[in-house]
N, C-alpha and C. Protein backbone atom coordinates (compact mmCIF):
# COMPACT_ATOMS: atom_id res chain seq x y z
N UNK A 1 114.85 103.89 84.21
CA UNK A 1 114.19 102.65 84.10
C UNK A 1 115.12 101.53 84.48
N UNK A 2 114.66 100.68 85.41
CA UNK A 2 115.53 99.58 85.92
C UNK A 2 115.64 98.51 84.79
N UNK A 3 116.82 97.92 84.73
CA UNK A 3 117.06 96.84 83.81
C UNK A 3 117.46 95.61 84.55
N UNK A 4 117.26 94.47 83.92
CA UNK A 4 117.67 93.20 84.56
C UNK A 4 119.15 92.99 84.34
N UNK A 5 119.80 92.48 85.34
CA UNK A 5 121.26 92.19 85.25
C UNK A 5 121.42 90.69 85.35
N UNK A 6 122.40 90.19 84.60
CA UNK A 6 122.66 88.75 84.61
C UNK A 6 124.09 88.44 84.97
N UNK A 7 124.24 87.28 85.56
CA UNK A 7 125.57 86.84 86.04
C UNK A 7 126.54 86.70 84.89
N UNK A 8 127.80 87.09 85.05
CA UNK A 8 128.84 86.97 84.06
C UNK A 8 129.39 85.52 83.98
N UNK A 9 129.12 84.72 84.98
CA UNK A 9 129.66 83.36 85.01
C UNK A 9 128.65 82.32 84.58
N UNK A 10 127.40 82.38 85.13
CA UNK A 10 126.43 81.36 84.89
C UNK A 10 125.15 81.87 84.19
N UNK A 11 125.09 83.15 83.89
CA UNK A 11 123.96 83.74 83.16
C UNK A 11 122.62 83.71 83.91
N UNK A 12 122.65 83.51 85.28
CA UNK A 12 121.47 83.64 86.04
C UNK A 12 121.17 85.09 86.45
N UNK A 13 119.98 85.35 86.87
CA UNK A 13 119.59 86.73 87.25
C UNK A 13 120.38 87.19 88.52
N UNK A 14 120.82 88.41 88.48
CA UNK A 14 121.49 88.97 89.68
C UNK A 14 120.45 89.78 90.49
N UNK A 15 120.60 89.66 91.83
CA UNK A 15 119.66 90.27 92.73
C UNK A 15 120.39 91.34 93.59
N UNK A 16 119.72 92.44 93.91
CA UNK A 16 120.39 93.44 94.72
C UNK A 16 120.65 92.93 96.14
N UNK A 17 121.81 93.29 96.66
CA UNK A 17 122.18 92.94 98.04
C UNK A 17 123.02 94.02 98.59
N UNK A 18 122.82 94.34 99.88
CA UNK A 18 123.66 95.37 100.50
C UNK A 18 124.80 94.75 101.20
N UNK A 19 125.97 95.35 101.02
CA UNK A 19 127.20 94.95 101.74
C UNK A 19 127.33 95.95 102.90
N UNK A 20 126.87 95.60 104.07
CA UNK A 20 126.84 96.53 105.20
C UNK A 20 128.22 96.85 105.71
N UNK A 21 129.17 95.95 105.55
CA UNK A 21 130.54 96.19 106.02
C UNK A 21 131.20 97.31 105.21
N UNK A 22 131.07 97.26 103.87
CA UNK A 22 131.64 98.29 103.01
C UNK A 22 130.70 99.41 102.68
N UNK A 23 129.39 99.23 103.07
CA UNK A 23 128.38 100.23 102.82
C UNK A 23 128.19 100.50 101.36
N UNK A 24 128.04 99.44 100.54
CA UNK A 24 127.76 99.54 99.11
C UNK A 24 126.62 98.61 98.73
N UNK A 25 126.03 98.94 97.61
CA UNK A 25 124.97 98.14 97.04
C UNK A 25 125.55 97.24 95.97
N UNK A 26 125.24 95.95 96.04
CA UNK A 26 125.81 94.96 95.08
C UNK A 26 124.65 94.29 94.32
N UNK A 27 125.04 93.72 93.14
CA UNK A 27 124.19 92.77 92.49
C UNK A 27 124.90 91.41 92.65
N UNK A 28 124.18 90.41 93.19
CA UNK A 28 124.81 89.11 93.43
C UNK A 28 123.98 88.02 92.86
N UNK A 29 124.72 86.99 92.37
CA UNK A 29 124.02 85.79 91.83
C UNK A 29 123.67 84.87 93.03
N UNK A 30 122.49 84.27 92.92
CA UNK A 30 122.11 83.32 93.95
C UNK A 30 122.54 81.91 93.64
N UNK A 31 123.08 81.69 92.47
CA UNK A 31 123.52 80.36 92.08
C UNK A 31 125.03 80.19 92.35
N UNK A 32 125.83 81.17 92.00
CA UNK A 32 127.25 81.07 92.27
C UNK A 32 127.63 82.26 93.13
N UNK A 33 128.89 82.52 93.35
CA UNK A 33 129.32 83.62 94.25
C UNK A 33 129.65 84.91 93.50
N UNK A 34 129.24 85.01 92.25
CA UNK A 34 129.52 86.25 91.47
C UNK A 34 128.77 87.42 92.01
N UNK A 35 129.47 88.55 92.12
CA UNK A 35 128.86 89.79 92.60
C UNK A 35 129.55 90.94 91.93
N UNK A 36 128.77 91.99 91.67
CA UNK A 36 129.32 93.23 91.06
C UNK A 36 128.76 94.44 91.75
N UNK A 37 129.51 95.49 91.74
CA UNK A 37 129.10 96.74 92.35
C UNK A 37 127.90 97.32 91.57
N UNK A 38 126.85 97.70 92.25
CA UNK A 38 125.67 98.22 91.59
C UNK A 38 125.86 99.55 90.96
N UNK A 39 126.82 100.36 91.43
CA UNK A 39 127.07 101.66 90.91
C UNK A 39 128.08 101.65 89.77
N UNK A 40 128.41 100.49 89.21
CA UNK A 40 129.37 100.41 88.15
C UNK A 40 128.81 100.92 86.82
N UNK A 41 127.52 100.96 86.64
CA UNK A 41 126.91 101.42 85.39
C UNK A 41 126.99 102.93 85.34
N UNK A 42 127.41 103.46 84.20
CA UNK A 42 127.43 104.94 83.99
C UNK A 42 126.01 105.46 83.92
N UNK A 43 125.77 106.58 84.59
CA UNK A 43 124.44 107.18 84.59
C UNK A 43 123.46 106.55 85.52
N UNK A 44 123.88 105.60 86.32
CA UNK A 44 123.03 104.85 87.23
C UNK A 44 123.05 105.51 88.61
N UNK A 45 121.94 105.83 89.20
CA UNK A 45 121.89 106.34 90.55
C UNK A 45 121.17 105.42 91.41
N UNK A 46 121.73 105.04 92.56
CA UNK A 46 121.05 104.06 93.43
C UNK A 46 119.75 104.70 94.05
N UNK A 47 118.74 103.88 94.07
CA UNK A 47 117.48 104.28 94.64
C UNK A 47 117.01 103.17 95.58
N UNK A 48 116.81 103.51 96.83
CA UNK A 48 116.35 102.47 97.83
C UNK A 48 115.03 102.99 98.35
N UNK A 49 114.06 102.08 98.43
CA UNK A 49 112.71 102.44 98.87
C UNK A 49 112.34 101.50 99.98
N UNK A 50 111.86 102.02 101.08
CA UNK A 50 111.43 101.19 102.21
C UNK A 50 109.98 101.60 102.47
N UNK A 51 109.10 100.62 102.53
CA UNK A 51 107.70 100.82 102.78
C UNK A 51 107.35 100.07 104.06
N UNK A 52 107.32 100.77 105.21
CA UNK A 52 107.04 100.17 106.50
C UNK A 52 105.62 100.34 106.81
N UNK A 53 104.81 99.28 106.74
CA UNK A 53 103.38 99.39 106.87
C UNK A 53 102.92 99.48 108.35
N UNK A 54 103.81 99.14 109.34
CA UNK A 54 103.43 99.12 110.67
C UNK A 54 103.70 100.39 111.46
N UNK A 55 104.10 101.46 110.78
CA UNK A 55 104.41 102.69 111.48
C UNK A 55 103.26 103.68 111.52
N UNK A 56 102.09 103.36 110.93
CA UNK A 56 100.92 104.18 110.90
C UNK A 56 100.39 104.39 112.32
N UNK A 57 100.27 105.62 112.76
CA UNK A 57 99.90 105.92 114.15
C UNK A 57 98.46 105.63 114.47
N UNK A 58 97.58 105.91 113.55
CA UNK A 58 96.13 105.69 113.83
C UNK A 58 95.44 105.36 112.53
N UNK A 59 94.18 104.98 112.60
CA UNK A 59 93.48 104.56 111.41
C UNK A 59 93.37 105.74 110.43
N UNK A 60 93.71 105.44 109.18
CA UNK A 60 93.57 106.42 108.12
C UNK A 60 92.92 105.78 106.96
N UNK A 61 92.06 106.47 106.31
CA UNK A 61 91.38 105.93 105.15
C UNK A 61 92.30 105.95 103.92
N UNK A 62 92.10 105.06 103.03
CA UNK A 62 92.86 104.96 101.81
C UNK A 62 92.30 105.91 100.76
N UNK A 63 92.49 105.57 99.50
CA UNK A 63 91.99 106.40 98.38
C UNK A 63 90.46 106.45 98.41
N UNK A 64 89.93 107.63 98.41
CA UNK A 64 88.48 107.81 98.43
C UNK A 64 88.06 108.71 97.29
N UNK A 65 87.86 108.11 96.15
CA UNK A 65 87.53 108.84 94.96
C UNK A 65 86.31 108.18 94.27
N UNK A 66 85.27 108.88 94.07
CA UNK A 66 84.05 108.37 93.40
C UNK A 66 83.44 107.16 94.13
N UNK A 67 83.53 107.17 95.40
CA UNK A 67 82.97 106.03 96.16
C UNK A 67 81.46 105.96 96.08
N UNK A 68 80.81 107.13 95.92
CA UNK A 68 79.37 107.13 95.92
C UNK A 68 78.78 106.45 94.67
N UNK A 69 79.61 106.24 93.65
CA UNK A 69 79.11 105.56 92.45
C UNK A 69 79.45 104.07 92.44
N UNK A 70 80.17 103.62 93.44
CA UNK A 70 80.57 102.19 93.49
C UNK A 70 79.35 101.33 93.89
N UNK A 71 78.86 100.47 93.04
CA UNK A 71 77.70 99.67 93.37
C UNK A 71 77.98 98.55 94.34
N UNK A 72 79.26 98.25 94.58
CA UNK A 72 79.61 97.11 95.47
C UNK A 72 79.67 97.54 96.93
N UNK A 73 79.73 98.83 97.22
CA UNK A 73 79.76 99.33 98.58
C UNK A 73 78.38 99.37 99.20
N UNK A 74 78.32 99.05 100.52
CA UNK A 74 77.04 99.06 101.18
C UNK A 74 76.64 100.50 101.52
N UNK A 75 75.35 100.70 101.64
CA UNK A 75 74.76 102.08 101.90
C UNK A 75 74.31 102.11 103.36
N UNK A 76 74.38 103.28 103.95
CA UNK A 76 73.90 103.46 105.30
C UNK A 76 73.13 104.81 105.39
N UNK A 77 72.05 104.78 106.19
CA UNK A 77 71.30 106.05 106.39
C UNK A 77 71.87 106.95 107.46
N UNK A 78 73.18 106.74 107.81
CA UNK A 78 73.81 107.54 108.86
C UNK A 78 73.89 109.01 108.50
N UNK A 79 73.80 109.89 109.48
CA UNK A 79 73.87 111.34 109.22
C UNK A 79 75.34 111.80 109.20
N UNK A 80 75.57 112.60 108.17
CA UNK A 80 76.92 113.15 107.97
C UNK A 80 77.16 114.26 108.99
N UNK A 81 78.29 114.29 109.73
CA UNK A 81 78.53 115.34 110.69
C UNK A 81 78.87 116.68 110.05
N UNK A 82 79.11 116.71 108.75
CA UNK A 82 79.48 117.97 108.12
C UNK A 82 78.27 118.63 107.48
N UNK A 83 77.48 117.92 106.68
CA UNK A 83 76.36 118.55 105.97
C UNK A 83 74.97 118.17 106.63
N UNK A 84 75.01 117.25 107.60
CA UNK A 84 73.81 116.82 108.36
C UNK A 84 72.74 116.14 107.48
N UNK A 85 73.14 115.66 106.31
CA UNK A 85 72.18 114.92 105.46
C UNK A 85 72.39 113.43 105.69
N UNK A 86 71.37 112.65 105.46
CA UNK A 86 71.45 111.22 105.63
C UNK A 86 71.90 110.55 104.32
N UNK A 87 72.77 109.56 104.47
CA UNK A 87 73.18 108.76 103.30
C UNK A 87 74.70 108.73 103.21
N UNK A 88 75.22 107.51 103.25
CA UNK A 88 76.66 107.39 103.10
C UNK A 88 76.94 105.94 102.63
N UNK A 89 78.08 105.77 101.95
CA UNK A 89 78.58 104.43 101.74
C UNK A 89 79.65 104.16 102.75
N UNK A 90 79.88 102.89 103.04
CA UNK A 90 80.88 102.60 104.10
C UNK A 90 81.70 101.36 103.73
N UNK A 91 82.89 101.34 104.26
CA UNK A 91 83.79 100.18 104.02
C UNK A 91 84.64 100.01 105.29
N UNK A 92 85.26 98.86 105.43
CA UNK A 92 86.10 98.58 106.58
C UNK A 92 87.56 98.71 106.22
N UNK A 93 88.36 99.04 107.18
CA UNK A 93 89.80 99.11 107.03
C UNK A 93 90.48 98.74 108.34
N UNK A 94 91.61 98.11 108.26
CA UNK A 94 92.43 97.80 109.45
C UNK A 94 93.77 98.34 109.21
N UNK A 95 94.03 99.54 109.69
CA UNK A 95 95.31 100.25 109.39
C UNK A 95 96.53 99.67 110.11
N UNK A 96 96.36 99.27 111.34
CA UNK A 96 97.51 98.85 112.08
C UNK A 96 97.56 97.32 112.27
N UNK A 97 97.01 96.58 111.32
CA UNK A 97 96.98 95.13 111.33
C UNK A 97 96.42 94.53 112.56
N UNK A 98 97.12 93.62 113.22
CA UNK A 98 96.56 92.86 114.34
C UNK A 98 96.46 93.67 115.63
N UNK A 99 97.02 94.88 115.66
CA UNK A 99 96.99 95.65 116.95
C UNK A 99 95.69 96.43 117.13
N UNK A 100 94.81 96.51 116.12
CA UNK A 100 93.62 97.23 116.27
C UNK A 100 92.42 96.48 115.71
N UNK A 101 91.22 96.87 116.04
CA UNK A 101 90.02 96.24 115.43
C UNK A 101 89.76 96.87 114.08
N UNK A 102 88.89 96.30 113.35
CA UNK A 102 88.50 96.89 112.08
C UNK A 102 87.77 98.18 112.32
N UNK A 103 87.94 99.16 111.43
CA UNK A 103 87.30 100.46 111.54
C UNK A 103 86.40 100.69 110.40
N UNK A 104 85.19 101.17 110.65
CA UNK A 104 84.25 101.50 109.59
C UNK A 104 84.44 102.96 109.17
N UNK A 105 84.74 103.16 107.89
CA UNK A 105 84.83 104.51 107.34
C UNK A 105 83.59 104.78 106.55
N UNK A 106 82.97 105.96 106.76
CA UNK A 106 81.78 106.37 106.03
C UNK A 106 82.13 107.51 105.08
N UNK A 107 81.52 107.49 103.93
CA UNK A 107 81.76 108.49 102.89
C UNK A 107 80.43 109.06 102.48
N UNK A 108 80.20 110.37 102.82
CA UNK A 108 78.88 110.99 102.55
C UNK A 108 78.69 111.08 101.01
N UNK A 109 77.47 110.68 100.59
CA UNK A 109 77.20 110.74 99.19
C UNK A 109 76.76 112.09 98.71
N UNK A 110 76.57 113.03 99.63
CA UNK A 110 76.17 114.38 99.27
C UNK A 110 77.32 115.32 99.22
N UNK A 111 78.16 115.38 100.34
CA UNK A 111 79.23 116.39 100.36
C UNK A 111 80.62 115.73 100.25
N UNK A 112 80.68 114.39 100.08
CA UNK A 112 81.91 113.64 99.92
C UNK A 112 82.86 113.74 101.09
N UNK A 113 82.26 113.94 102.32
CA UNK A 113 83.08 114.02 103.55
C UNK A 113 83.32 112.58 104.01
N UNK A 114 84.57 112.30 104.41
CA UNK A 114 84.92 111.01 104.94
C UNK A 114 84.96 111.10 106.47
N UNK A 115 84.28 110.17 107.17
CA UNK A 115 84.21 110.21 108.63
C UNK A 115 84.06 108.81 109.20
N UNK A 116 84.24 108.72 110.49
CA UNK A 116 84.01 107.48 111.24
C UNK A 116 82.84 107.68 112.17
N UNK A 117 82.12 106.62 112.51
CA UNK A 117 80.99 106.72 113.45
C UNK A 117 81.57 106.77 114.84
N UNK A 118 81.58 107.94 115.47
CA UNK A 118 82.19 108.10 116.76
C UNK A 118 81.43 107.33 117.88
N UNK A 119 80.14 107.05 117.72
CA UNK A 119 79.43 106.23 118.66
C UNK A 119 79.95 104.84 118.65
N UNK A 120 80.20 104.29 117.49
CA UNK A 120 80.72 102.89 117.38
C UNK A 120 82.16 102.86 117.88
N UNK A 121 82.94 103.94 117.69
CA UNK A 121 84.32 103.94 118.19
C UNK A 121 84.34 103.98 119.68
N UNK A 122 83.43 104.71 120.28
CA UNK A 122 83.32 104.79 121.75
C UNK A 122 82.94 103.43 122.33
N UNK A 123 82.03 102.71 121.71
CA UNK A 123 81.58 101.42 122.18
C UNK A 123 82.72 100.37 122.12
N UNK A 124 83.50 100.40 121.04
CA UNK A 124 84.52 99.43 120.86
C UNK A 124 85.72 99.61 121.75
N UNK A 125 85.89 100.78 122.38
CA UNK A 125 87.02 101.05 123.22
C UNK A 125 86.83 100.53 124.65
N UNK A 126 85.68 100.05 125.00
CA UNK A 126 85.42 99.46 126.32
C UNK A 126 85.83 97.98 126.38
């Protein structure tokens, strides 16, 4: 569990900063020049997390759980390509931000299959 660290000189909050020259992780005060090595705590293991949202190659749907019971989603009589029954809820998503158009994802209310309308995809590519 992460804990908050405070400056030993001015008691302000310390923020993580990387020292690329020495290749170490530091906690540094933004008010004064106080800095301490982040690995000085016993039992502390450094953990770095990078979430790069722009590396997604193509449109992918997010979490799709119990969408058929969501009253806020719009309904469509579109035919499911898996079970061939009519009826789906749909929502929009833009996976690659400004580089692509919005994509409609359909979720079959019968078999819970997630799909895109390929006719609409073909039209938007022209």
